[in-house]
Amino acid sequence: MQRLRFRLTISRAQLLQYYQGHTAALSVITEQGLRLQVALHHFRSFVGHDGLNGRFEIELTEQRQLHRLHRLS
């Protein structure tokens, strides 16, 4: 399994624009310098009143499929 970490800071207003525009994925740059596209629905449990904020870790299978996503802080 490959583990990658990244930060997200997306305001509530920006998230609403994503959802209204039917955006399917977020593009993030990991701390390791890789660009990933992660389906927006994977972040739903992390959205708060102020939006989506925090440092996250994603675990990918050898086929580069999402295995697990969790917030570190």
PDB file of N, CA and C in Angstrom:
ATOM      1  N   MET A   1       0.834  -1.179   0.000  1.00  0.00           N
ATOM      2  CA  MET A   1       0.000   0.000   0.000  1.00  0.00           C
ATOM      3  C   MET A   1       0.884   1.249   0.000  1.00  0.00           C
ATOM      4  N   GLN A   2       0.427   2.239  -0.723  1.00  0.00           N
ATOM      5  CA  GLN A   2       1.125   3.512  -0.772  1.00  0.00           C
ATOM      6  C   GLN A   2       0.338   4.510   0.057  1.00  0.00           C
ATOM      7  N   ARG A   3       1.038   5.254   0.905  1.00  0.00           N
ATOM      8  CA  ARG A   3       0.397   6.278   1.735  1.00  0.00           C
ATOM      9  C   ARG A   3       0.904   7.643   1.302  1.00  0.00           C
ATOM     10  N   LEU A   4      -0.042   8.539   1.076  1.00  0.00           N
ATOM     11  CA  LEU A   4       0.277   9.898   0.650  1.00  0.00           C
ATOM     12  C   LEU A   4      -0.472  10.873   1.546  1.00  0.00           C
ATOM     13  N   ARG A   5       0.169  12.000   1.825  1.00  0.00           N
ATOM     14  CA  ARG A   5      -0.451  13.015   2.692  1.00  0.00           C
ATOM     15  C   ARG A   5      -0.593  14.331   1.948  1.00  0.00           C
ATOM     16  N   PHE A   6      -1.648  15.066   2.314  1.00  0.00           N
ATOM     17  CA  PHE A   6      -1.912  16.363   1.697  1.00  0.00           C
ATOM     18  C   PHE A   6      -2.776  17.205   2.614  1.00  0.00           C
ATOM     19  N   ARG A   7      -2.771  18.509   2.372  1.00  0.00           N
ATOM     20  CA  ARG A   7      -3.607  19.467   3.115  1.00  0.00           C
ATOM     21  C   ARG A   7      -4.714  19.981   2.214  1.00  0.00           C
ATOM     22  N   LEU A   8      -5.849  20.235   2.829  1.00  0.00           N
ATOM     23  CA  LEU A   8      -6.967  20.862   2.124  1.00  0.00           C
ATOM     24  C   LEU A   8      -7.516  21.994   2.969  1.00  0.00           C
ATOM     25  N   THR A   9      -7.790  23.098   2.323  1.00  0.00           N
ATOM     26  CA  THR A   9      -8.490  24.217   2.949  1.00  0.00           C
ATOM     27  C   THR A   9      -9.473  24.730   1.913  1.00  0.00           C
ATOM     28  N   ILE A  10     -10.716  24.317   2.070  1.00  0.00           N
ATOM     29  CA  ILE A  10     -11.772  24.703   1.127  1.00  0.00           C
ATOM     30  C   ILE A  10     -12.923  25.274   1.937  1.00  0.00           C
ATOM     31  N   SER A  11     -13.276  26.508   1.671  1.00  0.00           N
ATOM     32  CA  SER A  11     -14.351  27.162   2.423  1.00  0.00           C
ATOM     33  C   SER A  11     -15.703  26.526   2.104  1.00  0.00           C
ATOM     34  N   ARG A  12     -16.639  26.810   2.947  1.00  0.00           N
ATOM     35  CA  ARG A  12     -18.001  26.297   2.740  1.00  0.00           C
ATOM     36  C   ARG A  12     -18.566  26.807   1.403  1.00  0.00           C
ATOM     37  N   ALA A  13     -18.332  28.077   1.094  1.00  0.00           N
ATOM     38  CA  ALA A  13     -18.831  28.661  -0.159  1.00  0.00           C
ATOM     39  C   ALA A  13     -18.201  27.964  -1.372  1.00  0.00           C
ATOM     40  N   GLN A  14     -16.908  27.680  -1.295  1.00  0.00           N
ATOM     41  CA  GLN A  14     -16.248  26.975  -2.395  1.00  0.00           C
ATOM     42  C   GLN A  14     -16.817  25.567  -2.555  1.00  0.00           C
ATOM     43  N   LEU A  15     -17.050  24.890  -1.448  1.00  0.00           N
ATOM     44  CA  LEU A  15     -17.622  23.542  -1.522  1.00  0.00           C
ATOM     45  C   LEU A  15     -19.004  23.554  -2.166  1.00  0.00           C
ATOM     46  N   LEU A  16     -19.807  24.547  -1.822  1.00  0.00           N
ATOM     47  CA  LEU A  16     -21.133  24.653  -2.431  1.00  0.00           C
ATOM     48  C   LEU A  16     -21.022  24.822  -3.939  1.00  0.00           C
ATOM     49  N   GLN A  17     -20.033  25.588  -4.383  1.00  0.00           N
ATOM     50  CA  GLN A  17     -19.826  25.749  -5.824  1.00  0.00           C
ATOM     51  C   GLN A  17     -19.439  24.424  -6.467  1.00  0.00           C
ATOM     52  N   TYR A  18     -18.606  23.642  -5.781  1.00  0.00           N
ATOM     53  CA  TYR A  18     -18.235  22.331  -6.306  1.00  0.00           C
ATOM     54  C   TYR A  18     -19.471  21.452  -6.472  1.00  0.00           C
ATOM     55  N   TYR A  19     -20.285  21.401  -5.414  1.00  0.00           N
ATOM     56  CA  TYR A  19     -21.466  20.542  -5.452  1.00  0.00           C
ATOM     57  C   TYR A  19     -22.491  21.030  -6.476  1.00  0.00           C
ATOM     58  N   GLN A  20     -22.685  22.340  -6.578  1.00  0.00           N
ATOM     59  CA  GLN A  20     -23.650  22.880  -7.535  1.00  0.00           C
ATOM     60  C   GLN A  20     -23.169  22.717  -8.967  1.00  0.00           C
ATOM     61  N   GLY A  21     -21.862  22.728  -9.150  1.00  0.00           N
ATOM     62  CA  GLY A  21     -21.294  22.557 -10.484  1.00  0.00           C
ATOM     63  C   GLY A  21     -21.111  21.101 -10.856  1.00  0.00           C
ATOM     64  N   HIS A  22     -21.514  20.235  -9.956  1.00  0.00           N
ATOM     65  CA  HIS A  22     -21.429  18.798 -10.189  1.00  0.00           C
ATOM     66  C   HIS A  22     -19.992  18.334 -10.421  1.00  0.00           C
ATOM     67  N   THR A  23     -19.066  18.942  -9.689  1.00  0.00           N
ATOM     68  CA  THR A  23     -17.670  18.523  -9.762  1.00  0.00           C
ATOM     69  C   THR A  23     -17.550  17.138  -9.150  1.00  0.00           C
ATOM     70  N   ALA A  24     -16.912  16.241  -9.839  1.00  0.00           N
ATOM     71  CA  ALA A  24     -16.816  14.862  -9.390  1.00  0.00           C
ATOM     72  C   ALA A  24     -15.587  14.597  -8.529  1.00  0.00           C
ATOM     73  N   ALA A  25     -14.524  15.411  -8.699  1.00  0.00           N
ATOM     74  CA  ALA A  25     -13.275  15.110  -7.995  1.00  0.00           C
ATOM     75  C   ALA A  25     -12.522  16.371  -7.633  1.00  0.00           C
ATOM     76  N   LEU A  26     -11.706  16.249  -6.595  1.00  0.00           N
ATOM     77  CA  LEU A  26     -10.775  17.301  -6.212  1.00  0.00           C
ATOM     78  C   LEU A  26      -9.391  16.896  -6.684  1.00  0.00           C
ATOM     79  N   SER A  27      -8.629  17.854  -7.137  1.00  0.00           N
ATOM     80  CA  SER A  27      -7.248  17.619  -7.524  1.00  0.00           C
ATOM     81  C   SER A  27      -6.373  18.159  -6.402  1.00  0.00           C
ATOM     82  N   VAL A  28      -5.517  17.310  -5.851  1.00  0.00           N
ATOM     83  CA  VAL A  28      -4.653  17.704  -4.748  1.00  0.00           C
ATOM     84  C   VAL A  28      -3.198  17.400  -5.104  1.00  0.00           C
ATOM     85  N   ILE A  29      -2.307  18.178  -4.510  1.00  0.00           N
ATOM     86  CA  ILE A  29      -0.877  17.919  -4.623  1.00  0.00           C
ATOM     87  C   ILE A  29      -0.437  17.360  -3.273  1.00  0.00           C
ATOM     88  N   THR A  30       0.131  16.178  -3.273  1.00  0.00           N
ATOM     89  CA  THR A  30       0.563  15.554  -2.027  1.00  0.00           C
ATOM     90  C   THR A  30       1.862  16.168  -1.535  1.00  0.00           C
ATOM     91  N   GLU A  31       2.183  15.908  -0.285  1.00  0.00           N
ATOM     92  CA  GLU A  31       3.447  16.367   0.282  1.00  0.00           C
ATOM     93  C   GLU A  31       4.633  15.736  -0.441  1.00  0.00           C
ATOM     94  N   GLN A  32       4.387  14.632  -1.120  1.00  0.00           N
ATOM     95  CA  GLN A  32       5.428  13.951  -1.878  1.00  0.00           C
ATOM     96  C   GLN A  32       5.562  14.520  -3.294  1.00  0.00           C
ATOM     97  N   GLY A  33       4.721  15.511  -3.634  1.00  0.00           N
ATOM     98  CA  GLY A  33       4.799  16.175  -4.925  1.00  0.00           C
ATOM     99  C   GLY A  33       3.990  15.533  -6.041  1.00  0.00           C
ATOM    100  N   LEU A  34       3.139  14.581  -5.717  1.00  0.00           N
ATOM    101  CA  LEU A  34       2.299  13.924  -6.718  1.00  0.00           C
ATOM    102  C   LEU A  34       0.938  14.601  -6.801  1.00  0.00           C
ATOM    103  N   ARG A  35       0.379  14.645  -7.978  1.00  0.00           N
ATOM    104  CA  ARG A  35      -0.980  15.175  -8.164  1.00  0.00           C
ATOM    105  C   ARG A  35      -1.951  13.997  -8.179  1.00  0.00           C
ATOM    106  N   LEU A  36      -2.988  14.106  -7.358  1.00  0.00           N
ATOM    107  CA  LEU A  36      -4.028  13.074  -7.284  1.00  0.00           C
ATOM    108  C   LEU A  36      -5.382  13.695  -7.550  1.00  0.00           C
ATOM    109  N   GLN A  37      -6.256  12.926  -8.150  1.00  0.00           N
ATOM    110  CA  GLN A  37      -7.659  13.308  -8.228  1.00  0.00           C
ATOM    111  C   GLN A  37      -8.427  12.340  -7.336  1.00  0.00           C
ATOM    112  N   VAL A  38      -9.160  12.914  -6.392  1.00  0.00           N
ATOM    113  CA  VAL A  38      -9.909  12.114  -5.429  1.00  0.00           C
ATOM    114  C   VAL A  38     -11.376  12.488  -5.558  1.00  0.00           C
ATOM    115  N   ALA A  39     -12.220  11.494  -5.702  1.00  0.00           N
ATOM    116  CA  ALA A  39     -13.653  11.739  -5.841  1.00  0.00           C
ATOM    117  C   ALA A  39     -14.171  12.534  -4.645  1.00  0.00           C
ATOM    118  N   LEU A  40     -14.931  13.559  -4.915  1.00  0.00           N
ATOM    119  CA  LEU A  40     -15.429  14.477  -3.897  1.00  0.00           C
ATOM    120  C   LEU A  40     -16.252  13.762  -2.822  1.00  0.00           C
ATOM    121  N   HIS A  41     -16.973  12.724  -3.193  1.00  0.00           N
ATOM    122  CA  HIS A  41     -17.835  12.049  -2.213  1.00  0.00           C
ATOM    123  C   HIS A  41     -17.033  11.386  -1.084  1.00  0.00           C
ATOM    124  N   HIS A  42     -15.751  11.131  -1.278  1.00  0.00           N
ATOM    125  CA  HIS A  42     -14.934  10.531  -0.221  1.00  0.00           C
ATOM    126  C   HIS A  42     -14.705  11.499   0.940  1.00  0.00           C
ATOM    127  N   PHE A  43     -14.913  12.785   0.719  1.00  0.00           N
ATOM    128  CA  PHE A  43     -14.652  13.796   1.745  1.00  0.00           C
ATOM    129  C   PHE A  43     -15.896  14.191   2.535  1.00  0.00           C
ATOM    130  N   ARG A  44     -17.052  13.680   2.199  1.00  0.00           N
ATOM    131  CA  ARG A  44     -18.302  14.129   2.837  1.00  0.00           C
ATOM    132  C   ARG A  44     -18.270  14.049   4.358  1.00  0.00           C
ATOM    133  N   SER A  45     -17.709  12.995   4.904  1.00  0.00           N
ATOM    134  CA  SER A  45     -17.715  12.844   6.368  1.00  0.00           C
ATOM    135  C   SER A  45     -16.775  13.829   7.066  1.00  0.00           C
ATOM    136  N   PHE A  46     -15.941  14.524   6.311  1.00  0.00           N
ATOM    137  CA  PHE A  46     -14.988  15.474   6.882  1.00  0.00           C
ATOM    138  C   PHE A  46     -15.433  16.926   6.748  1.00  0.00           C
ATOM    139  N   VAL A  47     -16.539  17.175   6.089  1.00  0.00           N
ATOM    140  CA  VAL A  47     -17.017  18.541   5.864  1.00  0.00           C
ATOM    141  C   VAL A  47     -17.686  19.058   7.132  1.00  0.00           C
ATOM    142  N   GLY A  48     -17.266  20.255   7.565  1.00  0.00           N
ATOM    143  CA  GLY A  48     -17.862  20.897   8.732  1.00  0.00           C
ATOM    144  C   GLY A  48     -18.550  22.194   8.331  1.00  0.00           C
ATOM    145  N   HIS A  49     -18.996  22.950   9.315  1.00  0.00           N
ATOM    146  CA  HIS A  49     -19.680  24.216   9.045  1.00  0.00           C
ATOM    147  C   HIS A  49     -18.774  25.221   8.339  1.00  0.00           C
ATOM    148  N   ASP A  50     -17.480  25.121   8.583  1.00  0.00           N
ATOM    149  CA  ASP A  50     -16.544  26.061   7.970  1.00  0.00           C
ATOM    150  C   ASP A  50     -15.977  25.548   6.646  1.00  0.00           C
ATOM    151  N   GLY A  51     -16.375  24.376   6.221  1.00  0.00           N
ATOM    152  CA  GLY A  51     -15.902  23.816   4.958  1.00  0.00           C
ATOM    153  C   GLY A  51     -15.126  22.530   5.163  1.00  0.00           C
ATOM    154  N   LEU A  52     -14.082  22.374   4.402  1.00  0.00           N
ATOM    155  CA  LEU A  52     -13.257  21.164   4.441  1.00  0.00           C
ATOM    156  C   LEU A  52     -11.821  21.590   4.713  1.00  0.00           C
ATOM    157  N   ASN A  53     -11.355  21.288   5.911  1.00  0.00           N
ATOM    158  CA  ASN A  53     -10.024  21.726   6.323  1.00  0.00           C
ATOM    159  C   ASN A  53      -9.291  20.592   7.016  1.00  0.00           C
ATOM    160  N   GLY A  54      -7.998  20.515   6.793  1.00  0.00           N
ATOM    161  CA  GLY A  54      -7.202  19.559   7.536  1.00  0.00           C
ATOM    162  C   GLY A  54      -6.091  18.949   6.715  1.00  0.00           C
ATOM    163  N   ARG A  55      -5.358  18.104   7.386  1.00  0.00           N
ATOM    164  CA  ARG A  55      -4.289  17.332   6.764  1.00  0.00           C
ATOM    165  C   ARG A  55      -4.807  15.896   6.673  1.00  0.00           C
ATOM    166  N   PHE A  56      -4.679  15.313   5.507  1.00  0.00           N
ATOM    167  CA  PHE A  56      -5.261  14.005   5.237  1.00  0.00           C
ATOM    168  C   PHE A  56      -4.195  13.016   4.796  1.00  0.00           C
ATOM    169  N   GLU A  57      -4.501  11.746   5.021  1.00  0.00           N
ATOM    170  CA  GLU A  57      -3.661  10.673   4.499  1.00  0.00           C
ATOM    171  C   GLU A  57      -4.552   9.740   3.698  1.00  0.00           C
ATOM    172  N   ILE A  58      -4.078   9.394   2.521  1.00  0.00           N
ATOM    173  CA  ILE A  58      -4.800   8.481   1.649  1.00  0.00           C
ATOM    174  C   ILE A  58      -3.931   7.243   1.456  1.00  0.00           C
ATOM    175  N   GLU A  59      -4.559   6.094   1.537  1.00  0.00           N
ATOM    176  CA  GLU A  59      -3.863   4.840   1.260  1.00  0.00           C
ATOM    177  C   GLU A  59      -4.380   4.308  -0.064  1.00  0.00           C
ATOM    178  N   LEU A  60      -3.439   3.978  -0.949  1.00  0.00           N
ATOM    179  CA  LEU A  60      -3.778   3.461  -2.268  1.00  0.00           C
ATOM    180  C   LEU A  60      -3.324   2.011  -2.387  1.00  0.00           C
ATOM    181  N   THR A  61      -4.115   1.209  -3.081  1.00  0.00           N
ATOM    182  CA  THR A  61      -3.722  -0.165  -3.362  1.00  0.00           C
ATOM    183  C   THR A  61      -2.633  -0.155  -4.433  1.00  0.00           C
ATOM    184  N   GLU A  62      -2.097  -1.319  -4.723  1.00  0.00           N
ATOM    185  CA  GLU A  62      -1.081  -1.415  -5.774  1.00  0.00           C
ATOM    186  C   GLU A  62      -1.644  -1.042  -7.144  1.00  0.00           C
ATOM    187  N   GLN A  63      -2.971  -1.129  -7.296  1.00  0.00           N
ATOM    188  CA  GLN A  63      -3.631  -0.734  -8.547  1.00  0.00           C
ATOM    189  C   GLN A  63      -3.996   0.750  -8.538  1.00  0.00           C
ATOM    190  N   ARG A  64      -3.503   1.479  -7.518  1.00  0.00           N
ATOM    191  CA  ARG A  64      -3.728   2.923  -7.350  1.00  0.00           C
ATOM    192  C   ARG A  64      -5.196   3.264  -7.108  1.00  0.00           C
ATOM    193  N   GLN A  65      -5.912   2.339  -6.483  1.00  0.00           N
ATOM    194  CA  GLN A  65      -7.298   2.570  -6.074  1.00  0.00           C
ATOM    195  C   GLN A  65      -7.307   3.008  -4.608  1.00  0.00           C
ATOM    196  N   LEU A  66      -8.255   3.869  -4.256  1.00  0.00           N
ATOM    197  CA  LEU A  66      -8.357   4.332  -2.876  1.00  0.00           C
ATOM    198  C   LEU A  66      -8.727   3.165  -1.968  1.00  0.00           C
ATOM    199  N   HIS A  67      -7.928   2.968  -0.940  1.00  0.00           N
ATOM    200  CA  HIS A  67      -8.226   1.948   0.066  1.00  0.00           C
ATOM    201  C   HIS A  67      -8.811   2.606   1.318  1.00  0.00           C
ATOM    202  N   ARG A  68      -8.197   3.734   1.725  1.00  0.00           N
ATOM    203  CA  ARG A  68      -8.650   4.410   2.931  1.00  0.00           C
ATOM    204  C   ARG A  68      -8.241   5.872   2.878  1.00  0.00           C
ATOM    205  N   LEU A  69      -9.089   6.721   3.432  1.00  0.00           N
ATOM    206  CA  LEU A  69      -8.822   8.149   3.549  1.00  0.00           C
ATOM    207  C   LEU A  69      -9.166   8.553   4.971  1.00  0.00           C
ATOM    208  N   HIS A  70      -8.244   9.220   5.645  1.00  0.00           N
ATOM    209  CA  HIS A  70      -8.562   9.727   6.969  1.00  0.00           C
ATOM    210  C   HIS A  70      -7.867  11.057   7.227  1.00  0.00           C
ATOM    211  N   ARG A  71      -8.461  11.805   8.157  1.00  0.00           N
ATOM    212  CA  ARG A  71      -7.907  13.109   8.504  1.00  0.00           C
ATOM    213  C   ARG A  71      -6.905  12.908   9.639  1.00  0.00           C
ATOM    214  N   LEU A  72      -5.730  13.508   9.481  1.00  0.00           N
ATOM    215  CA  LEU A  72      -4.698  13.439  10.503  1.00  0.00           C
ATOM    216  C   LEU A  72      -4.844  14.557  11.517  1.00  0.00           C
ATOM    217  N   SER A  73      -5.217  15.737  11.036  1.00  0.00           N
ATOM    218  CA  SER A  73      -5.391  16.884  11.940  1.00  0.00           C
ATOM    219  C   SER A  73      -6.313  17.895  11.317  1.00  0.00           C
TER     220      SER A  73
END
